[in-house]
PDB file of N, CA and C in Angstrom:
ATOM      1  N   MET A   1       0.546  -1.388  -0.061  1.00  0.00           N
ATOM      2  CA  MET A   1      -0.040   0.117   0.082  1.00  0.00           C
ATOM      3  C   MET A   1       0.785   1.130   0.052  1.00  0.00           C
ATOM      4  N   ASN A   2       0.397   2.164  -0.857  1.00  0.00           N
ATOM      5  CA  ASN A   2       1.370   3.324  -1.206  1.00  0.00           C
ATOM      6  C   ASN A   2       1.086   4.606  -0.097  1.00  0.00           C
ATOM      7  N   THR A   3       2.054   5.139   0.324  1.00  0.00           N
ATOM      8  CA  THR A   3       1.599   6.228   1.247  1.00  0.00           C
ATOM      9  C   THR A   3       1.026   7.219   0.506  1.00  0.00           C
ATOM     10  N   ILE A   4       0.004   7.957   0.901  1.00  0.00           N
ATOM     11  CA  ILE A   4      -0.528   8.969   0.194  1.00  0.00           C
ATOM     12  C   ILE A   4       0.629  10.463   0.243  1.00  0.00           C
ATOM     13  N   VAL A   5       0.808  10.832  -0.902  1.00  0.00           N
ATOM     14  CA  VAL A   5       1.611  12.036  -0.779  1.00  0.00           C
ATOM     15  C   VAL A   5       0.567  13.356  -0.830  1.00  0.00           C
ATOM     16  N   THR A   6       1.103  14.308   0.101  1.00  0.00           N
ATOM     17  CA  THR A   6       0.189  15.134   0.473  1.00  0.00           C
ATOM     18  C   THR A   6       0.825  16.881   0.254  1.00  0.00           C
ATOM     19  N   ARG A   7       0.508  17.780   0.072  1.00  0.00           N
ATOM     20  CA  ARG A   7       0.836  18.935   0.507  1.00  0.00           C
ATOM     21  C   ARG A   7       2.249  19.114   1.302  1.00  0.00           C
ATOM     22  N   LYS A   8       2.156  18.283   2.370  1.00  0.00           N
ATOM     23  CA  LYS A   8       3.060  18.337   3.423  1.00  0.00           C
ATOM     24  C   LYS A   8       4.311  17.539   3.122  1.00  0.00           C
ATOM     25  N   THR A   9       4.110  16.611   2.291  1.00  0.00           N
ATOM     26  CA  THR A   9       4.945  15.503   1.819  1.00  0.00           C
ATOM     27  C   THR A   9       5.853  16.349   0.800  1.00  0.00           C
ATOM     28  N   VAL A  10       5.217  17.141  -0.035  1.00  0.00           N
ATOM     29  CA  VAL A  10       6.137  18.011  -0.948  1.00  0.00           C
ATOM     30  C   VAL A  10       6.875  18.768  -0.433  1.00  0.00           C
ATOM     31  N   ALA A  11       6.294  19.759   0.464  1.00  0.00           N
ATOM     32  CA  ALA A  11       7.046  20.739   1.152  1.00  0.00           C
ATOM     33  C   ALA A  11       8.219  20.409   1.883  1.00  0.00           C
ATOM     34  N   GLU A  12       8.048  18.954   2.608  1.00  0.00           N
ATOM     35  CA  GLU A  12       9.071  18.777   3.136  1.00  0.00           C
ATOM     36  C   GLU A  12      10.270  18.191   2.457  1.00  0.00           C
ATOM     37  N   GLU A  13      10.190  17.520   1.202  1.00  0.00           N
ATOM     38  CA  GLU A  13      11.241  17.170   0.492  1.00  0.00           C
ATOM     39  C   GLU A  13      11.537  18.561  -0.153  1.00  0.00           C
ATOM     40  N   LEU A  14      10.821  19.404  -0.578  1.00  0.00           N
ATOM     41  CA  LEU A  14      11.452  20.637  -0.811  1.00  0.00           C
ATOM     42  C   LEU A  14      12.684  21.462   0.013  1.00  0.00           C
ATOM     43  N   ALA A  15      12.345  21.212   1.606  1.00  0.00           N
ATOM     44  CA  ALA A  15      12.805  21.987   2.465  1.00  0.00           C
ATOM     45  C   ALA A  15      14.069  21.048   2.476  1.00  0.00           C
ATOM     46  N   ALA A  16      14.067  19.961   2.423  1.00  0.00           N
ATOM     47  CA  ALA A  16      15.240  18.788   2.667  1.00  0.00           C
ATOM     48  C   ALA A  16      16.331  19.114   1.606  1.00  0.00           C
ATOM     49  N   TYR A  17      15.624  19.670   0.435  1.00  0.00           N
ATOM     50  CA  TYR A  17      16.581  20.242  -0.826  1.00  0.00           C
ATOM     51  C   TYR A  17      17.186  21.533  -0.388  1.00  0.00           C
ATOM     52  N   LEU A  18      16.424  22.442   0.003  1.00  0.00           N
ATOM     53  CA  LEU A  18      16.799  23.892   0.406  1.00  0.00           C
ATOM     54  C   LEU A  18      17.807  23.642   1.460  1.00  0.00           C
ATOM     55  N   ASN A  19      17.718  22.991   2.287  1.00  0.00           N
ATOM     56  CA  ASN A  19      18.507  22.658   3.419  1.00  0.00           C
ATOM     57  C   ASN A  19      19.962  22.147   3.337  1.00  0.00           C
ATOM     58  N   ARG A  20      20.059  21.334   2.025  1.00  0.00           N
ATOM     59  CA  ARG A  20      20.818  20.677   1.637  1.00  0.00           C
ATOM     60  C   ARG A  20      21.228  19.398   2.487  1.00  0.00           C
ATOM     61  N   ASP A  21      20.119  18.948   2.654  1.00  0.00           N
ATOM     62  CA  ASP A  21      19.858  17.429   3.364  1.00  0.00           C
ATOM     63  C   ASP A  21      19.709  16.377   2.161  1.00  0.00           C
ATOM     64  N   ILE A  22      19.220  16.742   1.052  1.00  0.00           N
ATOM     65  CA  ILE A  22      19.228  16.029  -0.229  1.00  0.00           C
ATOM     66  C   ILE A  22      19.767  16.888  -1.273  1.00  0.00           C
ATOM     67  N   SER A  23      20.035  16.132  -2.477  1.00  0.00           N
ATOM     68  CA  SER A  23      20.904  16.753  -3.634  1.00  0.00           C
ATOM     69  C   SER A  23      19.842  16.715  -4.635  1.00  0.00           C
ATOM     70  N   LEU A  24      19.732  17.751  -5.450  1.00  0.00           N
ATOM     71  CA  LEU A  24      19.070  18.120  -6.775  1.00  0.00           C
ATOM     72  C   LEU A  24      18.695  16.819  -7.662  1.00  0.00           C
ATOM     73  N   ALA A  25      19.596  15.924  -7.522  1.00  0.00           N
ATOM     74  CA  ALA A  25      19.466  14.763  -8.300  1.00  0.00           C
ATOM     75  C   ALA A  25      18.462  13.767  -7.400  1.00  0.00           C
ATOM     76  N   ARG A  26      18.859  13.584  -6.186  1.00  0.00           N
ATOM     77  CA  ARG A  26      17.966  13.102  -5.233  1.00  0.00           C
ATOM     78  C   ARG A  26      16.384  13.619  -5.411  1.00  0.00           C
ATOM     79  N   LEU A  27      16.217  14.866  -5.369  1.00  0.00           N
ATOM     80  CA  LEU A  27      14.820  15.623  -5.381  1.00  0.00           C
ATOM     81  C   LEU A  27      14.429  15.322  -6.529  1.00  0.00           C
ATOM     82  N   VAL A  28      15.028  15.197  -7.859  1.00  0.00           N
ATOM     83  CA  VAL A  28      14.174  15.166  -9.222  1.00  0.00           C
ATOM     84  C   VAL A  28      13.888  13.540  -9.091  1.00  0.00           C
ATOM     85  N   ASP A  29      14.736  12.731  -8.712  1.00  0.00           N
ATOM     86  CA  ASP A  29      14.397  11.357  -8.970  1.00  0.00           C
ATOM     87  C   ASP A  29      13.216  11.122  -8.007  1.00  0.00           C
ATOM     88  N   TRP A  30      13.078  11.814  -6.795  1.00  0.00           N
ATOM     89  CA  TRP A  30      11.864  11.376  -5.775  1.00  0.00           C
ATOM     90  C   TRP A  30      10.752  11.854  -6.437  1.00  0.00           C
ATOM     91  N   ALA A  31      10.847  12.985  -7.263  1.00  0.00           N
ATOM     92  CA  ALA A  31       9.693  13.629  -8.171  1.00  0.00           C
ATOM     93  C   ALA A  31       9.227  12.708  -9.383  1.00  0.00           C
ATOM     94  N   GLU A  32      10.107  12.347  -9.744  1.00  0.00           N
ATOM     95  CA  GLU A  32       9.883  11.519 -11.134  1.00  0.00           C
ATOM     96  C   GLU A  32       9.160  10.241 -10.415  1.00  0.00           C
ATOM     97  N   ASP A  33       9.836   9.587  -9.210  1.00  0.00           N
ATOM     98  CA  ASP A  33       9.108   8.276  -9.104  1.00  0.00           C
ATOM     99  C   ASP A  33       7.850   8.361  -8.502  1.00  0.00           C
ATOM    100  N   THR A  34       7.740   9.535  -7.741  1.00  0.00           N
ATOM    101  CA  THR A  34       6.341  10.032  -7.238  1.00  0.00           C
ATOM    102  C   THR A  34       5.239   9.973  -8.115  1.00  0.00           C
ATOM    103  N   LEU A  35       5.608  10.824  -8.912  1.00  0.00           N
ATOM    104  CA  LEU A  35       4.566  10.971 -10.581  1.00  0.00           C
ATOM    105  C   LEU A  35       3.932   9.584 -10.973  1.00  0.00           C
ATOM    106  N   ASN A  36       5.180   8.901 -10.905  1.00  0.00           N
ATOM    107  CA  ASN A  36       4.877   7.364 -11.811  1.00  0.00           C
ATOM    108  C   ASN A  36       4.101   6.506 -10.780  1.00  0.00           C
ATOM    109  N   ASP A  37       4.681   6.384  -9.663  1.00  0.00           N
ATOM    110  CA  ASP A  37       4.284   5.445  -8.635  1.00  0.00           C
ATOM    111  C   ASP A  37       3.461   5.857  -7.458  1.00  0.00           C
ATOM    112  N   GLY A  38       3.441   7.161  -7.156  1.00  0.00           N
ATOM    113  CA  GLY A  38       3.074   7.602  -5.954  1.00  0.00           C
ATOM    114  C   GLY A  38       1.063   7.876  -6.172  1.00  0.00           C
ATOM    115  N   GLU A  39       0.879   7.789  -4.707  1.00  0.00           N
ATOM    116  CA  GLU A  39      -0.480   8.360  -4.876  1.00  0.00           C
ATOM    117  C   GLU A  39      -0.868   9.350  -4.140  1.00  0.00           C
ATOM    118  N   LEU A  40      -1.321  10.222  -5.044  1.00  0.00           N
ATOM    119  CA  LEU A  40      -1.396  11.786  -4.513  1.00  0.00           C
ATOM    120  C   LEU A  40      -2.612  11.970  -3.988  1.00  0.00           C
ATOM    121  N   ASP A  41      -2.668  12.873  -2.860  1.00  0.00           N
ATOM    122  CA  ASP A  41      -4.032  13.072  -2.469  1.00  0.00           C
ATOM    123  C   ASP A  41      -5.067  13.874  -3.016  1.00  0.00           C
ATOM    124  N   GLU A  42      -6.089  12.965  -3.327  1.00  0.00           N
ATOM    125  CA  GLU A  42      -7.028  13.410  -4.494  1.00  0.00           C
ATOM    126  C   GLU A  42      -7.177  15.023  -4.352  1.00  0.00           C
ATOM    127  N   GLN A  43      -7.482  15.534  -3.143  1.00  0.00           N
ATOM    128  CA  GLN A  43      -7.921  16.804  -2.753  1.00  0.00           C
ATOM    129  C   GLN A  43      -6.955  17.776  -3.656  1.00  0.00           C
ATOM    130  N   ASP A  44      -5.721  17.375  -3.541  1.00  0.00           N
ATOM    131  CA  ASP A  44      -4.646  18.471  -4.257  1.00  0.00           C
ATOM    132  C   ASP A  44      -3.714  17.784  -5.290  1.00  0.00           C
ATOM    133  N   ALA A  45      -4.501  16.787  -6.078  1.00  0.00           N
ATOM    134  CA  ALA A  45      -3.849  16.250  -6.923  1.00  0.00           C
ATOM    135  C   ALA A  45      -3.155  16.899  -8.278  1.00  0.00           C
ATOM    136  N   GLU A  46      -4.206  17.768  -8.793  1.00  0.00           N
ATOM    137  CA  GLU A  46      -3.499  18.840  -9.956  1.00  0.00           C
ATOM    138  C   GLU A  46      -2.682  19.542  -9.387  1.00  0.00           C
ATOM    139  N   LEU A  47      -2.552  20.166  -8.256  1.00  0.00           N
ATOM    140  CA  LEU A  47      -1.328  20.967  -7.715  1.00  0.00           C
ATOM    141  C   LEU A  47      -0.099  20.489  -7.331  1.00  0.00           C
ATOM    142  N   LEU A  48      -0.191  19.168  -6.974  1.00  0.00           N
ATOM    143  CA  LEU A  48       0.949  18.269  -6.684  1.00  0.00           C
ATOM    144  C   LEU A  48       1.328  17.725  -7.912  1.00  0.00           C
ATOM    145  N   ARG A  49       0.668  17.646  -8.680  1.00  0.00           N
ATOM    146  CA  ARG A  49       0.828  17.099 -10.099  1.00  0.00           C
ATOM    147  C   ARG A  49       2.080  17.995 -10.680  1.00  0.00           C
ATOM    148  N   ASP A  50       1.103  19.173 -10.740  1.00  0.00           N
ATOM    149  CA  ASP A  50       2.038  20.105 -11.698  1.00  0.00           C
ATOM    150  C   ASP A  50       3.420  20.359 -10.990  1.00  0.00           C
ATOM    151  N   ILE A  51       3.442  20.782  -9.665  1.00  0.00           N
ATOM    152  CA  ILE A  51       4.842  20.907  -8.800  1.00  0.00           C
ATOM    153  C   ILE A  51       5.572  19.670  -9.014  1.00  0.00           C
ATOM    154  N   LEU A  52       5.304  18.340  -8.809  1.00  0.00           N
ATOM    155  CA  LEU A  52       6.025  17.398  -9.130  1.00  0.00           C
ATOM    156  C   LEU A  52       6.641  17.433 -10.739  1.00  0.00           C
ATOM    157  N   ALA A  53       5.639  17.606 -11.583  1.00  0.00           N
ATOM    158  CA  ALA A  53       6.201  17.669 -12.970  1.00  0.00           C
ATOM    159  C   ALA A  53       7.268  18.568 -13.314  1.00  0.00           C
ATOM    160  N   ARG A  54       7.271  19.726 -12.653  1.00  0.00           N
ATOM    161  CA  ARG A  54       8.226  20.915 -12.539  1.00  0.00           C
ATOM    162  C   ARG A  54       9.348  20.399 -12.257  1.00  0.00           C
ATOM    163  N   VAL A  55       9.517  20.021 -11.147  1.00  0.00           N
ATOM    164  CA  VAL A  55      10.320  19.647 -10.002  1.00  0.00           C
ATOM    165  C   VAL A  55      11.328  18.522 -10.978  1.00  0.00           C
ATOM    166  N   GLY A  56      10.562  17.693 -11.200  1.00  0.00           N
ATOM    167  CA  GLY A  56      11.178  16.483 -12.111  1.00  0.00           C
ATOM    168  C   GLY A  56      12.120  16.800 -13.640  1.00  0.00           C
ATOM    169  N   LEU A  57      11.652  18.167 -13.683  1.00  0.00           N
ATOM    170  CA  LEU A  57      12.224  18.507 -14.771  1.00  0.00           C
ATOM    171  C   LEU A  57      13.438  19.351 -14.452  1.00  0.00           C
ATOM    172  N   ALA A  58      13.939  19.573 -13.244  1.00  0.00           N
ATOM    173  CA  ALA A  58      15.092  20.616 -12.950  1.00  0.00           C
ATOM    174  C   ALA A  58      16.369  20.146 -13.172  1.00  0.00           C
ATOM    175  N   ASP A  59      16.621  19.060 -13.266  1.00  0.00           N
ATOM    176  CA  ASP A  59      17.959  18.374 -13.522  1.00  0.00           C
ATOM    177  C   ASP A  59      18.129  18.748 -15.484  1.00  0.00           C
ATOM    178  N   VAL A  60      17.331  19.180 -15.967  1.00  0.00           N
ATOM    179  CA  VAL A  60      17.344  19.520 -17.547  1.00  0.00           C
ATOM    180  C   VAL A  60      17.878  21.362 -17.546  1.00  0.00           C
ATOM    181  N   ARG A  61      19.036  21.427 -17.961  1.00  0.00           N
ATOM    182  CA  ARG A  61      19.423  22.825 -18.003  1.00  0.00           C
ATOM    183  C   ARG A  61      18.672  24.017 -18.314  1.00  0.00           C
ATOM    184  N   GLU A  62      17.689  23.876 -19.206  1.00  0.00           N
ATOM    185  CA  GLU A  62      16.871  24.776 -19.711  1.00  0.00           C
ATOM    186  C   GLU A  62      15.763  25.206 -18.496  1.00  0.00           C
ATOM    187  N   PHE A  63      15.552  24.233 -17.517  1.00  0.00           N
ATOM    188  CA  PHE A  63      14.740  24.606 -16.337  1.00  0.00           C
ATOM    189  C   PHE A  63      15.250  24.765 -15.177  1.00  0.00           C
ATOM    190  N   GLY A  64      16.306  24.018 -14.691  1.00  0.00           N
ATOM    191  CA  GLY A  64      16.748  24.239 -13.492  1.00  0.00           C
ATOM    192  C   GLY A  64      15.568  24.419 -12.372  1.00  0.00           C
ATOM    193  N   LEU A  65      16.243  24.810 -11.134  1.00  0.00           N
ATOM    194  CA  LEU A  65      15.210  24.935  -9.978  1.00  0.00           C
ATOM    195  C   LEU A  65      16.045  26.070  -9.282  1.00  0.00           C
ATOM    196  N   SER A  66      15.210  27.373  -9.364  1.00  0.00           N
ATOM    197  CA  SER A  66      15.553  28.311  -8.422  1.00  0.00           C
ATOM    198  C   SER A  66      15.210  28.586  -6.985  1.00  0.00           C
ATOM    199  N   TRP A  67      15.867  29.373  -6.346  1.00  0.00           N
ATOM    200  CA  TRP A  67      14.896  29.584  -5.022  1.00  0.00           C
ATOM    201  C   TRP A  67      13.915  30.504  -5.053  1.00  0.00           C
ATOM    202  N   ASP A  68      13.553  31.026  -5.936  1.00  0.00           N
ATOM    203  CA  ASP A  68      12.224  31.762  -6.105  1.00  0.00           C
ATOM    204  C   ASP A  68      11.298  30.622  -6.897  1.00  0.00           C
ATOM    205  N   ASP A  69      11.939  29.269  -7.662  1.00  0.00           N
ATOM    206  CA  ASP A  69      10.683  28.533  -7.710  1.00  0.00           C
ATOM    207  C   ASP A  69      10.419  27.737  -6.696  1.00  0.00           C
ATOM    208  N   CYS A  70      11.172  27.534  -5.651  1.00  0.00           N
ATOM    209  CA  CYS A  70      11.057  26.683  -4.551  1.00  0.00           C
ATOM    210  C   CYS A  70      10.222  27.320  -3.537  1.00  0.00           C
ATOM    211  N   TYR A  71      10.374  28.893  -3.467  1.00  0.00           N
ATOM    212  CA  TYR A  71       9.614  29.778  -2.634  1.00  0.00           C
ATOM    213  C   TYR A  71       7.932  29.636  -3.300  1.00  0.00           C
ATOM    214  N   SER A  72       8.116  29.840  -4.820  1.00  0.00           N
ATOM    215  CA  SER A  72       6.549  29.805  -5.336  1.00  0.00           C
ATOM    216  C   SER A  72       5.998  28.455  -5.107  1.00  0.00           C
ATOM    217  N   PHE A  73       6.488  27.282  -5.051  1.00  0.00           N
ATOM    218  CA  PHE A  73       5.901  25.985  -5.030  1.00  0.00           C
ATOM    219  C   PHE A  73       5.669  25.939  -3.369  1.00  0.00           C
ATOM    220  N   LEU A  74       6.546  26.551  -2.551  1.00  0.00           N
ATOM    221  CA  LEU A  74       5.987  26.187  -1.063  1.00  0.00           C
ATOM    222  C   LEU A  74       4.777  27.210  -0.883  1.00  0.00           C
ATOM    223  N   SER A  75       4.659  28.187  -1.428  1.00  0.00           N
ATOM    224  CA  SER A  75       3.644  29.131  -1.152  1.00  0.00           C
ATOM    225  C   SER A  75       2.541  28.662  -1.686  1.00  0.00           C
ATOM    226  N   GLN A  76       2.577  27.840  -2.994  1.00  0.00           N
ATOM    227  CA  GLN A  76       1.152  27.513  -3.335  1.00  0.00           C
ATOM    228  C   GLN A  76       0.762  26.047  -2.611  1.00  0.00           C
ATOM    229  N   LEU A  77       1.822  25.437  -1.823  1.00  0.00           N
ATOM    230  CA  LEU A  77       1.386  24.550  -0.859  1.00  0.00           C
ATOM    231  C   LEU A  77       0.851  24.810   0.502  1.00  0.00           C
ATOM    232  N   GLY A  78       0.823  26.167   0.595  1.00  0.00           N
ATOM    233  CA  GLY A  78       0.511  26.649   1.790  1.00  0.00           C
ATOM    234  C   GLY A  78       1.504  27.220   2.882  1.00  0.00           C
ATOM    235  N   TYR A  79       2.603  27.042   2.708  1.00  0.00           N
ATOM    236  CA  TYR A  79       3.839  27.217   3.486  1.00  0.00           C
ATOM    237  C   TYR A  79       4.655  28.644   3.043  1.00  0.00           C
ATOM    238  N   THR A  80       4.945  29.349   4.390  1.00  0.00           N
ATOM    239  CA  THR A  80       5.878  30.531   4.075  1.00  0.00           C
ATOM    240  C   THR A  80       7.517  29.941   4.226  1.00  0.00           C
ATOM    241  N   THR A  81       8.276  30.666   3.560  1.00  0.00           N
ATOM    242  CA  THR A  81       9.557  30.265   3.738  1.00  0.00           C
ATOM    243  C   THR A  81      10.407  31.466   4.421  1.00  0.00           C
ATOM    244  N   GLN A  82      11.492  31.202   5.262  1.00  0.00           N
ATOM    245  CA  GLN A  82      12.155  31.824   5.899  1.00  0.00           C
ATOM    246  C   GLN A  82      13.602  31.272   5.886  1.00  0.00           C
ATOM    247  N   VAL A  83      14.743  32.253   5.670  1.00  0.00           N
ATOM    248  CA  VAL A  83      16.052  31.975   5.855  1.00  0.00           C
ATOM    249  C   VAL A  83      16.511  32.305   7.046  1.00  0.00           C
ATOM    250  N   LYS A  84      17.219  31.321   7.623  1.00  0.00           N
ATOM    251  CA  LYS A  84      17.825  31.551   8.936  1.00  0.00           C
ATOM    252  C   LYS A  84      19.099  31.444   8.605  1.00  0.00           C
ATOM    253  N   ILE A  85      20.269  32.567   9.073  1.00  0.00           N
ATOM    254  CA  ILE A  85      21.624  32.558   9.075  1.00  0.00           C
ATOM    255  C   ILE A  85      22.357  31.793  10.159  1.00  0.00           C
ATOM    256  N   LEU A  86      23.136  30.819  10.122  1.00  0.00           N
ATOM    257  CA  LEU A  86      23.775  30.566  11.366  1.00  0.00           C
ATOM    258  C   LEU A  86      25.482  30.347  11.218  1.00  0.00           C
ATOM    259  N   PRO A  87      25.978  30.678  12.222  1.00  0.00           N
ATOM    260  CA  PRO A  87      27.652  30.705  12.115  1.00  0.00           C
ATOM    261  C   PRO A  87      27.844  29.180  11.831  1.00  0.00           C
ATOM    262  N   LEU A  88      28.952  28.967  10.956  1.00  0.00           N
ATOM    263  CA  LEU A  88      29.671  27.920  11.167  1.00  0.00           C
ATOM    264  C   LEU A  88      30.215  27.408  12.228  1.00  0.00           C
ATOM    265  N   ALA A  89      30.143  26.056  12.562  1.00  0.00           N
ATOM    266  CA  ALA A  89      30.702  25.415  13.480  1.00  0.00           C
ATOM    267  C   ALA A  89      32.415  25.650  13.533  1.00  0.00           C
ATOM    268  N   ALA A  90      33.038  25.906  14.560  1.00  0.00           N
ATOM    269  CA  ALA A  90      34.284  26.152  14.726  1.00  0.00           C
ATOM    270  C   ALA A  90      34.981  24.631  14.534  1.00  0.00           C
TER     271      ALA A  90
END
């Protein structure tokens, strides 16, 4: 049984990418796999499909994935984005 992919699921993956917990290649693979095999929340299926399709193209030079793209996706998903600057550990 597949886990249902929700707005929160997609937002968490985007946040992991922005925080460099996962690579762009990993995010793209996840988006492609989710589009092909994932079960999207019916209530938000169109929005989730649109965002996942765009993220799935991020490894193509002509498309890429900018900070503004991620900000826009997160906003569409119902999240606000804040940047926190922390000093490097010594």
